[in-house]
Amino acid sequence: MNTTKEWIEKYETVKHLLVAPMNYAEVFEKNEIHGKKLFVLEMGEIILPTGELLVRDPLVWLSRAEKPYLTKVPRGKYSIETLVAEIEEEHHRYVLTRVKFNQNKPVIYYEALKGDENLEGVDNESIFGFMVDAGLATIVDVETRDKYCDFVEKWYKENTEKIFIMIFLQRNLKKMP
């Protein structure tokens, strides 16, 4: 589905409602939040050859049909950081992840949209996000998405027989006393 002129016009009327309630960069500067220790985990680098980004659950929702966000970013290589909270000893959770495009502190955060969302009834409580089924998230460029899809398609083609054997064994093992 292509982004229509009507959608863009509607977006311009509600864009001011799709602003984050806080500056997330400031959260990355904290050592604690809600009594929980915070740590910044360096996640390495991301290469963005086209600047067209997607954030999806890679095991379920990363297909060629998935559209990138409307806002393009500069092509290049960037660092990724994840803010981690220590919930209790030996129990940590990811809080936020960011791509650092430069060293400047962001002034405002808008909801990332693909251009096909239903904007009727949008208010300052609206959140669009992305679907997660496997409990995972990945940030990718469309070129990386396509290479990932090539790999998955090739793997399934080369391993179809093994997949059927695994399914057969799983079904039959459940039936055994």
C-alpha atoms as a PDB file:
ATOM      1  CA  MET A   1       0.000   0.000   0.000  1.00  0.00           C
ATOM      2  CA  ASN A   2       1.463   3.337  -1.040  1.00  0.00           C
ATOM      3  CA  THR A   3       1.190   6.397   1.128  1.00  0.00           C
ATOM      4  CA  THR A   4      -1.589   8.586  -0.227  1.00  0.00           C
ATOM      5  CA  LYS A   5      -1.845  12.350  -0.384  1.00  0.00           C
ATOM      6  CA  GLU A   6      -4.854  12.112   1.958  1.00  0.00           C
ATOM      7  CA  TRP A   7      -2.830  10.129   4.511  1.00  0.00           C
ATOM      8  CA  ILE A   8      -0.005  12.714   4.447  1.00  0.00           C
ATOM      9  CA  GLU A   9      -2.529  15.540   4.921  1.00  0.00           C
ATOM     10  CA  LYS A  10      -4.137  13.728   7.865  1.00  0.00           C
ATOM     11  CA  TYR A  11      -0.687  13.009   9.339  1.00  0.00           C
ATOM     12  CA  GLU A  12       0.224  16.706   9.208  1.00  0.00           C
ATOM     13  CA  THR A  13      -2.918  17.503  11.242  1.00  0.00           C
ATOM     14  CA  VAL A  14      -2.151  14.908  13.971  1.00  0.00           C
ATOM     15  CA  LYS A  15       1.665  14.907  13.945  1.00  0.00           C
ATOM     16  CA  HIS A  16       1.811  17.165  17.003  1.00  0.00           C
ATOM     17  CA  LEU A  17      -0.069  14.466  18.952  1.00  0.00           C
ATOM     18  CA  LEU A  18       2.521  11.795  18.116  1.00  0.00           C
ATOM     19  CA  VAL A  19       5.348  13.291  20.149  1.00  0.00           C
ATOM     20  CA  ALA A  20       7.051  11.297  22.891  1.00  0.00           C
ATOM     21  CA  PRO A  21       6.241  12.548  26.396  1.00  0.00           C
ATOM     22  CA  MET A  22       9.964  12.643  27.300  1.00  0.00           C
ATOM     23  CA  ASN A  23      13.400  13.056  25.822  1.00  0.00           C
ATOM     24  CA  TYR A  24      14.699   9.492  25.682  1.00  0.00           C
ATOM     25  CA  ALA A  25      18.308  10.711  25.410  1.00  0.00           C
ATOM     26  CA  GLU A  26      17.948  12.013  28.980  1.00  0.00           C
ATOM     27  CA  VAL A  27      16.868   8.546  30.154  1.00  0.00           C
ATOM     28  CA  PHE A  28      20.144   7.141  28.753  1.00  0.00           C
ATOM     29  CA  GLU A  29      21.989   9.585  31.036  1.00  0.00           C
ATOM     30  CA  LYS A  30      20.334   8.268  34.213  1.00  0.00           C
ATOM     31  CA  ASN A  31      21.932   5.722  36.551  1.00  0.00           C
ATOM     32  CA  GLU A  32      18.610   4.668  38.051  1.00  0.00           C
ATOM     33  CA  ILE A  33      14.919   4.784  37.266  1.00  0.00           C
ATOM     34  CA  HIS A  34      12.075   3.721  39.571  1.00  0.00           C
ATOM     35  CA  GLY A  35      14.667   2.366  42.014  1.00  0.00           C
ATOM     36  CA  LYS A  36      16.281   0.106  39.389  1.00  0.00           C
ATOM     37  CA  LYS A  37      19.933   0.410  38.351  1.00  0.00           C
ATOM     38  CA  LEU A  38      20.509   1.287  34.717  1.00  0.00           C
ATOM     39  CA  PHE A  39      23.392   0.315  32.445  1.00  0.00           C
ATOM     40  CA  VAL A  40      24.209   1.220  28.855  1.00  0.00           C
ATOM     41  CA  LEU A  41      25.085  -1.834  26.795  1.00  0.00           C
ATOM     42  CA  GLU A  42      27.134  -1.140  23.651  1.00  0.00           C
ATOM     43  CA  MET A  43      25.545  -3.312  20.939  1.00  0.00           C
ATOM     44  CA  GLY A  44      28.068  -2.716  18.150  1.00  0.00           C
ATOM     45  CA  GLU A  45      27.363  -1.058  14.847  1.00  0.00           C
ATOM     46  CA  ILE A  46      24.583  -1.060  12.297  1.00  0.00           C
ATOM     47  CA  ILE A  47      25.191  -0.467   8.603  1.00  0.00           C
ATOM     48  CA  LEU A  48      22.441   1.400   6.784  1.00  0.00           C
ATOM     49  CA  PRO A  49      23.144   1.236   3.034  1.00  0.00           C
ATOM     50  CA  THR A  50      19.813   2.814   1.971  1.00  0.00           C
ATOM     51  CA  GLY A  51      18.723   4.777   5.049  1.00  0.00           C
ATOM     52  CA  GLU A  52      15.280   3.166   4.921  1.00  0.00           C
ATOM     53  CA  LEU A  53      14.666   1.632   8.365  1.00  0.00           C
ATOM     54  CA  LEU A  54      12.396  -1.019   9.768  1.00  0.00           C
ATOM     55  CA  VAL A  55      12.041  -2.213  13.350  1.00  0.00           C
ATOM     56  CA  ARG A  56      10.365  -5.600  13.523  1.00  0.00           C
ATOM     57  CA  ASP A  57      10.294  -8.976  15.234  1.00  0.00           C
ATOM     58  CA  PRO A  58      12.742 -10.801  12.933  1.00  0.00           C
ATOM     59  CA  LEU A  59      11.305 -14.288  13.396  1.00  0.00           C
ATOM     60  CA  VAL A  60       7.717 -13.410  12.549  1.00  0.00           C
ATOM     61  CA  TRP A  61       7.343  -9.928  11.062  1.00  0.00           C
ATOM     62  CA  LEU A  62      10.417  -9.343   8.884  1.00  0.00           C
ATOM     63  CA  SER A  63       9.276 -10.065   5.340  1.00  0.00           C
ATOM     64  CA  ARG A  64       9.692  -8.289   2.017  1.00  0.00           C
ATOM     65  CA  ALA A  65       6.108  -7.047   2.374  1.00  0.00           C
ATOM     66  CA  GLU A  66       7.013  -5.035   5.479  1.00  0.00           C
ATOM     67  CA  LYS A  67       7.331  -1.349   4.663  1.00  0.00           C
ATOM     68  CA  PRO A  68      10.081   0.858   6.066  1.00  0.00           C
ATOM     69  CA  TYR A  69       9.326   3.959   8.078  1.00  0.00           C
ATOM     70  CA  LEU A  70       8.552   7.117   6.103  1.00  0.00           C
ATOM     71  CA  THR A  71      11.433   9.081   7.588  1.00  0.00           C
ATOM     72  CA  LYS A  72      14.716   8.115   6.002  1.00  0.00           C
ATOM     73  CA  VAL A  73      17.978   8.431   7.898  1.00  0.00           C
ATOM     74  CA  PRO A  74      21.468   9.212   6.587  1.00  0.00           C
ATOM     75  CA  ARG A  75      23.163   6.206   5.002  1.00  0.00           C
ATOM     76  CA  GLY A  76      26.220   4.969   6.864  1.00  0.00           C
ATOM     77  CA  LYS A  77      27.516   3.026   9.845  1.00  0.00           C
ATOM     78  CA  TYR A  78      26.296   3.917  13.342  1.00  0.00           C
ATOM     79  CA  SER A  79      26.636   2.650  16.882  1.00  0.00           C
ATOM     80  CA  ILE A  80      23.726   1.068  18.726  1.00  0.00           C
ATOM     81  CA  GLU A  81      23.213   1.245  22.483  1.00  0.00           C
ATOM     82  CA  THR A  82      20.661  -0.443  24.681  1.00  0.00           C
ATOM     83  CA  LEU A  83      19.645   0.801  28.099  1.00  0.00           C
ATOM     84  CA  VAL A  84      19.354  -2.120  30.508  1.00  0.00           C
ATOM     85  CA  ALA A  85      17.595  -2.154  33.881  1.00  0.00           C
ATOM     86  CA  GLU A  86      18.599  -4.479  36.693  1.00  0.00           C
ATOM     87  CA  ILE A  87      15.212  -5.720  37.891  1.00  0.00           C
ATOM     88  CA  GLU A  88      16.822  -7.799  40.638  1.00  0.00           C
ATOM     89  CA  GLU A  89      20.178  -9.535  41.001  1.00  0.00           C
ATOM     90  CA  GLU A  90      20.949 -11.569  37.853  1.00  0.00           C
ATOM     91  CA  HIS A  91      17.670 -10.382  36.249  1.00  0.00           C
ATOM     92  CA  HIS A  92      18.005  -7.665  33.611  1.00  0.00           C
ATOM     93  CA  ARG A  93      15.599  -6.198  31.043  1.00  0.00           C
ATOM     94  CA  TYR A  94      16.155  -4.066  27.964  1.00  0.00           C
ATOM     95  CA  VAL A  95      14.495  -0.679  28.391  1.00  0.00           C
ATOM     96  CA  LEU A  96      15.375   1.336  25.280  1.00  0.00           C
ATOM     97  CA  THR A  97      17.579   0.898  22.243  1.00  0.00           C
ATOM     98  CA  ARG A  98      18.908   3.700  20.103  1.00  0.00           C
ATOM     99  CA  VAL A  99      20.929   4.214  16.982  1.00  0.00           C
ATOM    100  CA  LYS A 100      23.384   7.077  17.495  1.00  0.00           C
ATOM    101  CA  PHE A 101      23.414   9.012  14.224  1.00  0.00           C
ATOM    102  CA  ASN A 102      25.573  11.748  15.743  1.00  0.00           C
ATOM    103  CA  GLN A 103      26.557  13.142  19.141  1.00  0.00           C
ATOM    104  CA  ASN A 104      23.793  15.769  19.227  1.00  0.00           C
ATOM    105  CA  LYS A 105      21.037  15.461  21.796  1.00  0.00           C
ATOM    106  CA  PRO A 106      17.632  14.968  20.117  1.00  0.00           C
ATOM    107  CA  VAL A 107      15.163  17.792  20.664  1.00  0.00           C
ATOM    108  CA  ILE A 108      11.942  15.938  19.880  1.00  0.00           C
ATOM    109  CA  TYR A 109      10.846  12.371  19.172  1.00  0.00           C
ATOM    110  CA  TYR A 110       7.977  11.590  16.808  1.00  0.00           C
ATOM    111  CA  GLU A 111       6.247   8.242  16.460  1.00  0.00           C
ATOM    112  CA  ALA A 112       7.830   6.332  13.556  1.00  0.00           C
ATOM    113  CA  LEU A 113       5.176   5.571  10.954  1.00  0.00           C
ATOM    114  CA  LYS A 114       5.066   3.674   7.653  1.00  0.00           C
ATOM    115  CA  GLY A 115       2.378   5.741   5.943  1.00  0.00           C
ATOM    116  CA  ASP A 116      -0.457   3.218   6.056  1.00  0.00           C
ATOM    117  CA  GLU A 117      -1.578   3.530   9.684  1.00  0.00           C
ATOM    118  CA  ASN A 118      -5.171   4.396  10.532  1.00  0.00           C
ATOM    119  CA  LEU A 119      -4.942   7.961  11.843  1.00  0.00           C
ATOM    120  CA  GLU A 120      -8.638   8.376  12.654  1.00  0.00           C
ATOM    121  CA  GLY A 121      -9.165   9.086  16.321  1.00  0.00           C
ATOM    122  CA  VAL A 122      -5.455   9.679  17.020  1.00  0.00           C
ATOM    123  CA  ASP A 123      -4.811  11.513  20.272  1.00  0.00           C
ATOM    124  CA  ASN A 124      -1.793  12.170  22.499  1.00  0.00           C
ATOM    125  CA  GLU A 125      -2.216   8.679  24.037  1.00  0.00           C
ATOM    126  CA  SER A 126      -1.909   6.896  20.669  1.00  0.00           C
ATOM    127  CA  ILE A 127       0.952   4.455  20.153  1.00  0.00           C
ATOM    128  CA  PHE A 128       1.565   2.544  16.928  1.00  0.00           C
ATOM    129  CA  GLY A 129       4.706   0.483  17.630  1.00  0.00           C
ATOM    130  CA  PHE A 130       5.360  -2.810  15.853  1.00  0.00           C
ATOM    131  CA  MET A 131       4.134  -6.375  16.202  1.00  0.00           C
ATOM    132  CA  VAL A 132       6.177  -8.750  18.383  1.00  0.00           C
ATOM    133  CA  ASP A 133       5.379 -12.447  18.559  1.00  0.00           C
ATOM    134  CA  ALA A 134       8.747 -14.066  19.323  1.00  0.00           C
ATOM    135  CA  GLY A 135       9.742 -11.469  21.921  1.00  0.00           C
ATOM    136  CA  LEU A 136      12.508 -10.112  19.707  1.00  0.00           C
ATOM    137  CA  ALA A 137      13.178  -6.850  17.924  1.00  0.00           C
ATOM    138  CA  THR A 138      15.645  -5.886  15.257  1.00  0.00           C
ATOM    139  CA  ILE A 139      16.565  -2.640  13.548  1.00  0.00           C
ATOM    140  CA  VAL A 140      17.375  -3.154   9.869  1.00  0.00           C
ATOM    141  CA  ASP A 141      17.766  -1.317   6.612  1.00  0.00           C
ATOM    142  CA  VAL A 142      15.600  -2.506   3.689  1.00  0.00           C
ATOM    143  CA  GLU A 143      18.687  -3.909   1.970  1.00  0.00           C
ATOM    144  CA  THR A 144      19.470  -5.984   5.060  1.00  0.00           C
ATOM    145  CA  ARG A 145      15.810  -7.043   5.266  1.00  0.00           C
ATOM    146  CA  ASP A 146      15.985  -8.325   1.705  1.00  0.00           C
ATOM    147  CA  LYS A 147      19.249 -10.212   2.307  1.00  0.00           C
ATOM    148  CA  TYR A 148      17.738 -11.749   5.448  1.00  0.00           C
ATOM    149  CA  CYS A 149      14.659 -12.810   3.457  1.00  0.00           C
ATOM    150  CA  ASP A 150      16.938 -14.320   0.768  1.00  0.00           C
ATOM    151  CA  PHE A 151      18.723 -16.330   3.479  1.00  0.00           C
ATOM    152  CA  VAL A 152      15.493 -17.546   5.094  1.00  0.00           C
ATOM    153  CA  GLU A 153      13.957 -18.540   1.754  1.00  0.00           C
ATOM    154  CA  LYS A 154      17.124 -20.435   0.763  1.00  0.00           C
ATOM    155  CA  TRP A 155      17.356 -22.139   4.170  1.00  0.00           C
ATOM    156  CA  TYR A 156      13.746 -23.350   4.029  1.00  0.00           C
ATOM    157  CA  LYS A 157      14.216 -24.569   0.459  1.00  0.00           C
ATOM    158  CA  GLU A 158      17.367 -26.500   1.411  1.00  0.00           C
ATOM    159  CA  ASN A 159      15.923 -27.874   4.667  1.00  0.00           C
ATOM    160  CA  THR A 160      12.318 -28.679   3.770  1.00  0.00           C
ATOM    161  CA  GLU A 161      12.823 -32.405   4.344  1.00  0.00           C
ATOM    162  CA  LYS A 162      14.400 -31.807   7.787  1.00  0.00           C
ATOM    163  CA  ILE A 163      11.535 -29.511   8.759  1.00  0.00           C
ATOM    164  CA  PHE A 164       8.942 -32.140   7.844  1.00  0.00           C
ATOM    165  CA  ILE A 165      10.858 -34.778   9.819  1.00  0.00           C
ATOM    166  CA  MET A 166      10.988 -32.493  12.881  1.00  0.00           C
ATOM    167  CA  ILE A 167       7.238 -31.799  12.659  1.00  0.00           C
ATOM    168  CA  PHE A 168       6.518 -35.514  12.215  1.00  0.00           C
ATOM    169  CA  LEU A 169       8.663 -36.398  15.251  1.00  0.00           C
ATOM    170  CA  GLN A 170       7.104 -33.678  17.406  1.00  0.00           C
ATOM    171  CA  ARG A 171       3.578 -34.836  16.589  1.00  0.00           C
ATOM    172  CA  ASN A 172       4.353 -38.516  17.110  1.00  0.00           C
ATOM    173  CA  LEU A 173       6.362 -38.036  20.311  1.00  0.00           C
ATOM    174  CA  LYS A 174       3.342 -36.311  21.847  1.00  0.00           C
ATOM    175  CA  LYS A 175       1.231 -39.393  21.088  1.00  0.00           C
ATOM    176  CA  MET A 176       3.656 -41.818  22.772  1.00  0.00           C
ATOM    177  CA  PRO A 177       2.794 -43.081  26.292  1.00  0.00           C
END
